[in-house]
Amino acid sequence: MAGSTVGDGQESGRTEFAIRLRAAIATSGLSLDRIQARLRARGVVVSVTALSYWQSGKRQPERQSSLSAVRTLEEILDVPAGSLLGLLPPPRPRGGAGKRHAGGEPMSFPRQVLQPLLEKVGAPHALDRQQPLKMVGLHDLCEIAADGGQRAVTARAVFQAAADGQDRWLLVYTQDDPAAGVPELHAVRNCRIGRAETDEAHGLLVTELLFDQPINRGETHLIEYTLTNSGPPYPECRNTHYREFRRPVREYLLEVRFAPGTAPGHCWQYSRNGATGTLARRPLKLDGADGVHAVVFDFGPGVFGIDWD
């Protein structure tokens, strides 16, 4: 699941990979700039910053392109084939669990991790109590950087009140790449940031988005906010973005926009029914602006997202 704790075996593997890579680089006598140039000469694009993060243990290769780069790196550093790649933990699963979700009250994040943060922002019963504020419409724009990582997510959400005096929405966001830290939250329109708590180890952010004015029963309110990551390299997103809905939403529009010239060959929308676990997929067509979108109506509980090759 997105932002989940990495087990001791995986953490140990990551440390050993960084140690072995750093030692191999030192033995080779090559600078990171020269290694990058040799990778590029073989058609492999990896930033110097990414190489630095790999050898320091701050990040680990996960995308298929990164794993392919490690194979080429073994040749350049003149180490046995698989000696570095074999130290990496298995990649986390695609297309459902193991992906970023940016929505209130996720269904699958460990309660024991999330609950203390909810208590700190004054919402200890958020996971159990029926909420008097319903999300009726949502538009996510996920921006993918040239290195394949997630640069930003901008969300426009419309809420309808089921009781008077509703003045805030609780946002829970889990970073797909906890080592990158939590993204920076910006309140763009009709809201401001209230109490906020983070769990850096899990890349988890819990915060209030306070409305500009309270709304009463039957009234609606629109807000816009952006979550921005630092980079490059930008946080790994493993070629997917999704929302996980605990309660039904009337309309959800998801748009993924790729950096110019980096659009993938194939994209798919997928959904997983929260009650039955049934997974449905269908191909999507890229538009002329290096983007793709999918829309769903009267959906949830469940997961809806887009992935690409």
Protein backbone atom coordinates (compact mmCIF):
# COMPACT_ATOMS: atom_id res chain seq x y z
CA MET A 1 0.00 0.00 0.00
CA ALA A 2 1.14 3.52 -0.62
CA GLY A 3 3.46 4.83 2.03
CA SER A 4 3.60 1.54 3.88
CA THR A 5 6.45 0.62 6.19
CA VAL A 6 9.33 -1.14 4.45
CA GLY A 7 10.15 -4.37 6.26
CA ASP A 8 13.52 -5.01 7.88
CA GLY A 9 14.61 -7.30 5.06
CA GLN A 10 13.95 -4.65 2.43
CA GLU A 11 15.61 -1.91 4.46
CA SER A 12 18.70 -4.07 4.90
CA GLY A 13 18.79 -4.81 1.17
CA ARG A 14 18.59 -1.15 0.38
CA THR A 15 21.51 -0.36 2.68
CA GLU A 16 23.64 -3.16 1.25
CA PHE A 17 22.89 -1.98 -2.31
CA ALA A 18 24.04 1.55 -1.45
CA ILE A 19 27.20 0.26 0.25
CA ARG A 20 28.13 -2.03 -2.65
CA LEU A 21 27.36 0.61 -5.27
CA ARG A 22 29.40 3.24 -3.46
CA ALA A 23 32.33 0.80 -3.14
CA ALA A 24 32.13 -0.15 -6.82
CA ILE A 25 32.13 3.50 -7.86
CA ALA A 26 35.13 4.22 -5.64
CA THR A 27 37.03 1.22 -7.04
CA SER A 28 36.28 2.26 -10.63
CA GLY A 29 37.81 5.70 -10.10
CA LEU A 30 35.00 7.22 -12.16
CA SER A 31 33.18 10.37 -11.14
CA LEU A 32 29.40 10.43 -11.21
CA ASP A 33 29.55 12.78 -14.20
CA ARG A 34 31.67 10.28 -16.15
CA ILE A 35 29.41 7.40 -15.15
CA GLN A 36 26.39 9.38 -16.34
CA ALA A 37 28.14 10.09 -19.66
CA ARG A 38 28.93 6.39 -20.16
CA LEU A 39 25.34 5.47 -19.37
CA ARG A 40 24.11 8.05 -21.87
CA ALA A 41 26.45 6.68 -24.52
CA ARG A 42 24.64 3.35 -24.13
CA GLY A 43 21.23 4.97 -24.41
CA VAL A 44 20.51 5.02 -20.67
CA VAL A 45 19.42 8.33 -19.12
CA VAL A 46 20.03 8.72 -15.37
CA SER A 47 20.67 12.04 -13.63
CA VAL A 48 23.80 12.61 -11.54
CA THR A 49 21.52 13.42 -8.62
CA ALA A 50 19.80 10.04 -8.93
CA LEU A 51 23.16 8.26 -8.97
CA SER A 52 24.18 10.20 -5.88
CA TYR A 53 20.94 9.26 -4.11
CA TRP A 54 21.39 5.59 -5.02
CA GLN A 55 24.90 5.36 -3.60
CA SER A 56 23.96 7.28 -0.44
CA GLY A 57 20.89 5.12 0.22
CA LYS A 58 18.51 8.08 0.10
CA ARG A 59 16.69 6.50 -2.85
CA GLN A 60 16.69 3.11 -4.50
CA PRO A 61 15.98 2.17 -8.14
CA GLU A 62 12.40 0.96 -8.56
CA ARG A 63 11.05 1.87 -12.01
CA GLN A 64 11.77 -0.59 -14.80
CA SER A 65 13.96 2.00 -16.53
CA SER A 66 15.99 2.41 -13.32
CA LEU A 67 16.43 -1.34 -12.92
CA SER A 68 17.63 -1.55 -16.53
CA ALA A 69 20.08 1.25 -15.75
CA VAL A 70 21.49 -0.79 -12.85
CA ARG A 71 22.22 -3.66 -15.24
CA THR A 72 24.19 -1.30 -17.49
CA LEU A 73 25.83 0.21 -14.43
CA GLU A 74 27.16 -3.23 -13.46
CA GLU A 75 28.90 -3.43 -16.84
CA ILE A 76 30.38 0.06 -16.59
CA LEU A 77 31.66 -0.56 -13.05
CA ASP A 78 32.99 -4.00 -14.06
CA VAL A 79 31.19 -5.94 -11.34
CA PRO A 80 29.52 -9.35 -11.82
CA ALA A 81 26.13 -9.27 -13.53
CA GLY A 82 23.37 -9.22 -10.94
CA SER A 83 25.69 -8.38 -8.05
CA LEU A 84 24.01 -5.00 -7.55
CA LEU A 85 20.59 -5.75 -8.96
CA GLY A 86 20.25 -8.78 -6.71
CA LEU A 87 20.60 -6.60 -3.62
CA LEU A 88 17.44 -4.63 -4.38
CA PRO A 89 14.13 -5.71 -2.79
CA PRO A 90 11.37 -6.88 -5.13
CA PRO A 91 9.49 -3.97 -6.72
CA ARG A 92 6.21 -3.10 -5.09
CA PRO A 93 3.08 -4.17 -6.98
CA ARG A 94 1.46 -2.09 -9.75
CA GLY A 95 -2.12 -1.27 -10.57
CA GLY A 96 -3.80 -1.07 -7.16
CA ALA A 97 -2.12 -1.60 -3.83
CA GLY A 98 1.28 0.01 -3.59
CA LYS A 99 0.35 3.30 -5.23
CA ARG A 100 -0.05 6.89 -4.22
CA HIS A 101 -3.47 8.00 -3.13
CA ALA A 102 -4.34 11.58 -2.30
CA GLY A 103 -7.71 11.55 -0.65
CA GLY A 104 -9.46 11.81 2.68
CA GLU A 105 -9.66 8.71 4.85
CA PRO A 106 -7.83 6.03 2.83
CA MET A 107 -9.14 2.50 3.21
CA SER A 108 -5.86 0.64 3.40
CA PHE A 109 -3.26 2.73 5.22
CA PRO A 110 -2.32 1.16 8.60
CA ARG A 111 -4.63 2.54 11.23
CA GLN A 112 -1.96 2.37 13.90
CA VAL A 113 0.14 4.82 11.88
CA LEU A 114 -2.68 7.13 10.79
CA GLN A 115 -4.66 7.33 14.05
CA PRO A 116 -2.07 9.33 16.09
CA LEU A 117 -1.95 11.98 13.37
CA LEU A 118 -5.73 12.21 13.25
CA GLU A 119 -5.80 12.76 17.00
CA LYS A 120 -3.22 15.55 16.75
CA VAL A 121 -5.33 17.47 14.22
CA GLY A 122 -8.45 17.08 16.35
CA ALA A 123 -10.17 14.35 14.29
CA PRO A 124 -9.77 11.17 16.36
CA HIS A 125 -13.03 9.62 15.07
CA ALA A 126 -12.61 10.48 11.38
CA LEU A 127 -12.31 6.84 10.31
CA ASP A 128 -15.42 5.66 12.12
CA ARG A 129 -17.92 8.52 12.14
CA GLN A 130 -20.28 9.31 9.27
CA GLN A 131 -19.06 12.66 7.94
CA PRO A 132 -21.53 15.54 7.46
CA LEU A 133 -19.63 16.74 4.38
CA LYS A 134 -19.83 14.81 1.11
CA MET A 135 -17.42 15.09 -1.81
CA VAL A 136 -19.63 15.25 -4.91
CA GLY A 137 -17.07 16.15 -7.57
CA LEU A 138 -13.30 15.93 -7.92
CA HIS A 139 -10.74 16.74 -10.62
CA ASP A 140 -7.11 15.66 -10.14
CA LEU A 141 -4.31 16.82 -12.41
CA CYS A 142 -1.13 14.77 -11.89
CA GLU A 143 2.01 16.22 -13.51
CA ILE A 144 4.79 13.78 -14.37
CA ALA A 145 8.33 15.15 -14.75
CA ALA A 146 10.85 14.24 -17.44
CA ASP A 147 12.50 11.69 -15.13
CA GLY A 148 9.20 9.86 -14.67
CA GLY A 149 8.63 11.04 -11.11
CA GLN A 150 5.64 13.00 -9.84
CA ARG A 151 6.15 16.76 -9.91
CA ALA A 152 2.78 17.89 -8.57
CA VAL A 153 -0.88 17.07 -8.07
CA THR A 154 -3.52 19.80 -8.31
CA ALA A 155 -7.00 18.99 -7.03
CA ARG A 156 -10.31 20.81 -7.41
CA ALA A 157 -12.98 19.38 -5.14
CA VAL A 158 -16.67 20.21 -4.66
CA PHE A 159 -18.34 19.37 -1.35
CA GLN A 160 -21.96 19.37 -0.24
CA ALA A 161 -22.99 19.79 3.38
CA ALA A 162 -25.39 17.37 5.08
CA ALA A 163 -25.52 19.55 8.20
CA ASP A 164 -25.15 23.25 9.01
CA GLY A 165 -21.84 24.93 9.82
CA GLN A 166 -19.44 22.79 7.80
CA ASP A 167 -16.15 24.65 7.49
CA ARG A 168 -13.31 22.17 6.83
CA TRP A 169 -12.16 19.06 4.97
CA LEU A 170 -9.59 16.58 6.25
CA LEU A 171 -6.92 15.68 3.71
CA VAL A 172 -4.81 12.53 4.07
CA TYR A 173 -1.96 12.08 1.60
CA THR A 174 0.55 9.26 1.45
CA GLN A 175 3.75 9.70 -0.56
CA ASP A 176 4.58 6.79 -2.84
CA ASP A 177 8.29 7.33 -2.19
CA PRO A 178 8.61 8.02 1.57
CA ALA A 179 12.35 8.72 1.23
CA ALA A 180 11.46 11.85 -0.76
CA GLY A 181 9.59 13.37 2.19
CA VAL A 182 6.06 14.72 2.13
CA PRO A 183 5.14 17.20 -0.62
CA GLU A 184 4.52 20.88 0.02
CA LEU A 185 0.83 21.71 0.29
CA HIS A 186 -0.48 24.98 -1.19
CA ALA A 187 -4.05 26.19 -0.64
CA VAL A 188 -4.90 27.72 -4.03
CA ARG A 189 -8.55 28.74 -3.90
CA ASN A 190 -11.38 29.13 -1.35
CA CYS A 191 -9.50 27.45 1.49
CA ARG A 192 -6.49 27.75 3.80
CA ILE A 193 -4.34 25.25 5.67
CA GLY A 194 -5.31 24.53 9.26
CA ARG A 195 -3.73 22.05 11.67
CA ALA A 196 -1.25 19.75 9.94
CA GLU A 197 0.80 16.75 11.04
CA THR A 198 3.34 14.66 9.13
CA ASP A 199 4.94 11.25 9.52
CA GLU A 200 8.19 11.55 7.58
CA ALA A 201 9.02 7.85 7.92
CA HIS A 202 5.87 6.91 6.01
CA GLY A 203 5.61 9.97 3.76
CA LEU A 204 2.23 10.70 5.36
CA LEU A 205 0.51 14.09 5.61
CA VAL A 206 -2.72 14.78 7.52
CA THR A 207 -4.07 18.31 7.42
CA GLU A 208 -7.23 20.40 7.66
CA LEU A 209 -8.29 22.49 4.69
CA LEU A 210 -10.39 25.30 6.18
CA PHE A 211 -13.12 26.80 4.00
CA ASP A 212 -13.23 30.56 3.46
CA GLN A 213 -16.75 30.47 4.89
CA PRO A 214 -18.93 27.80 6.51
CA ILE A 215 -21.66 26.15 4.46
CA ASN A 216 -25.05 24.90 5.62
CA ARG A 217 -27.14 21.84 4.74
CA GLY A 218 -27.56 21.45 0.98
CA GLU A 219 -24.99 24.12 0.11
CA THR A 220 -21.82 23.39 -1.87
CA HIS A 221 -18.26 24.67 -1.69
CA LEU A 222 -15.39 24.38 -4.17
CA ILE A 223 -11.74 24.33 -3.12
CA GLU A 224 -8.46 23.95 -4.97
CA TYR A 225 -5.09 22.87 -3.61
CA THR A 226 -1.74 21.68 -4.94
CA LEU A 227 0.79 19.19 -3.59
CA THR A 228 4.26 19.92 -4.99
CA ASN A 229 7.35 17.71 -4.76
CA SER A 230 10.95 18.86 -4.89
CA GLY A 231 13.31 17.58 -7.58
CA PRO A 232 14.81 16.43 -9.77
CA PRO A 233 14.88 13.60 -9.15
CA TYR A 234 11.18 13.65 -8.39
CA PRO A 235 9.57 11.00 -6.18
CA GLU A 236 9.01 7.59 -7.74
CA CYS A 237 5.40 7.00 -8.74
CA ARG A 238 5.86 3.60 -10.44
CA ASN A 239 3.94 4.69 -13.54
CA THR A 240 0.59 5.24 -11.88
CA HIS A 241 -1.60 7.69 -10.02
CA TYR A 242 -4.88 6.92 -8.26
CA ARG A 243 -7.41 8.00 -5.70
CA GLU A 244 -8.78 5.71 -3.06
CA PHE A 245 -12.37 6.55 -2.09
CA ARG A 246 -13.81 5.47 1.24
CA ARG A 247 -17.25 6.80 0.28
CA PRO A 248 -19.01 7.22 -3.08
CA VAL A 249 -18.23 10.22 -5.27
CA ARG A 250 -20.65 11.47 -7.92
CA GLU A 251 -17.98 12.39 -10.46
CA TYR A 252 -14.21 11.91 -10.55
CA LEU A 253 -11.99 13.19 -13.36
CA LEU A 254 -8.33 12.15 -13.35
CA GLU A 255 -5.87 13.78 -15.73
CA VAL A 256 -2.21 12.83 -16.08
CA ARG A 257 0.08 15.20 -17.97
CA PHE A 258 3.58 14.17 -19.04
CA ALA A 259 6.60 16.40 -19.60
CA PRO A 260 6.92 17.38 -23.29
CA GLY A 261 8.34 14.57 -25.38
CA THR A 262 8.10 11.93 -22.62
CA ALA A 263 4.56 10.63 -23.11
CA PRO A 264 4.42 6.81 -22.83
CA GLY A 265 3.31 4.49 -25.59
CA HIS A 266 0.33 3.06 -23.71
CA CYS A 267 -1.96 4.17 -20.88
CA TRP A 268 -4.83 2.44 -19.09
CA GLN A 269 -7.51 3.38 -16.62
CA TYR A 270 -8.24 0.91 -13.85
CA SER A 271 -10.71 0.58 -11.03
CA ARG A 272 -11.03 -1.77 -8.11
CA ASN A 273 -14.38 -2.24 -6.43
CA GLY A 274 -14.01 -1.79 -2.68
CA ALA A 275 -16.68 -4.34 -1.84
CA THR A 276 -15.82 -7.18 -4.24
CA GLY A 277 -12.18 -6.44 -5.06
CA THR A 278 -13.01 -6.79 -8.76
CA LEU A 279 -10.41 -5.12 -11.01
CA ALA A 280 -11.40 -3.56 -14.36
CA ARG A 281 -9.03 -2.05 -16.94
CA ARG A 282 -9.30 -0.45 -20.36
CA PRO A 283 -6.85 1.36 -22.65
CA LEU A 284 -6.79 5.15 -22.98
CA LYS A 285 -5.73 7.40 -25.85
CA LEU A 286 -3.15 10.14 -25.37
CA ASP A 287 -4.21 13.62 -26.45
CA GLY A 288 -2.18 16.12 -28.47
CA ALA A 289 -0.83 17.83 -25.35
CA ASP A 290 1.07 14.85 -23.90
CA GLY A 291 -1.77 14.03 -21.57
CA VAL A 292 -4.45 11.45 -20.87
CA HIS A 293 -7.63 11.48 -18.81
CA ALA A 294 -10.30 9.19 -17.42
CA VAL A 295 -13.65 9.95 -15.79
CA VAL A 296 -15.99 7.86 -13.65
CA PHE A 297 -19.49 8.55 -12.27
CA ASP A 298 -21.14 7.38 -9.06
CA PHE A 299 -18.04 5.49 -8.01
CA GLY A 300 -16.93 4.12 -4.67
CA PRO A 301 -15.93 2.82 -2.29
CA GLY A 302 -12.88 1.68 -4.20
CA VAL A 303 -9.79 2.69 -6.14
CA PHE A 304 -9.73 4.49 -9.50
CA GLY A 305 -6.54 5.40 -11.35
CA ILE A 306 -4.42 5.59 -14.48
CA ASP A 307 -1.21 3.69 -15.17
CA TRP A 308 1.16 3.65 -18.12
CA ASP A 309 4.06 1.67 -19.56
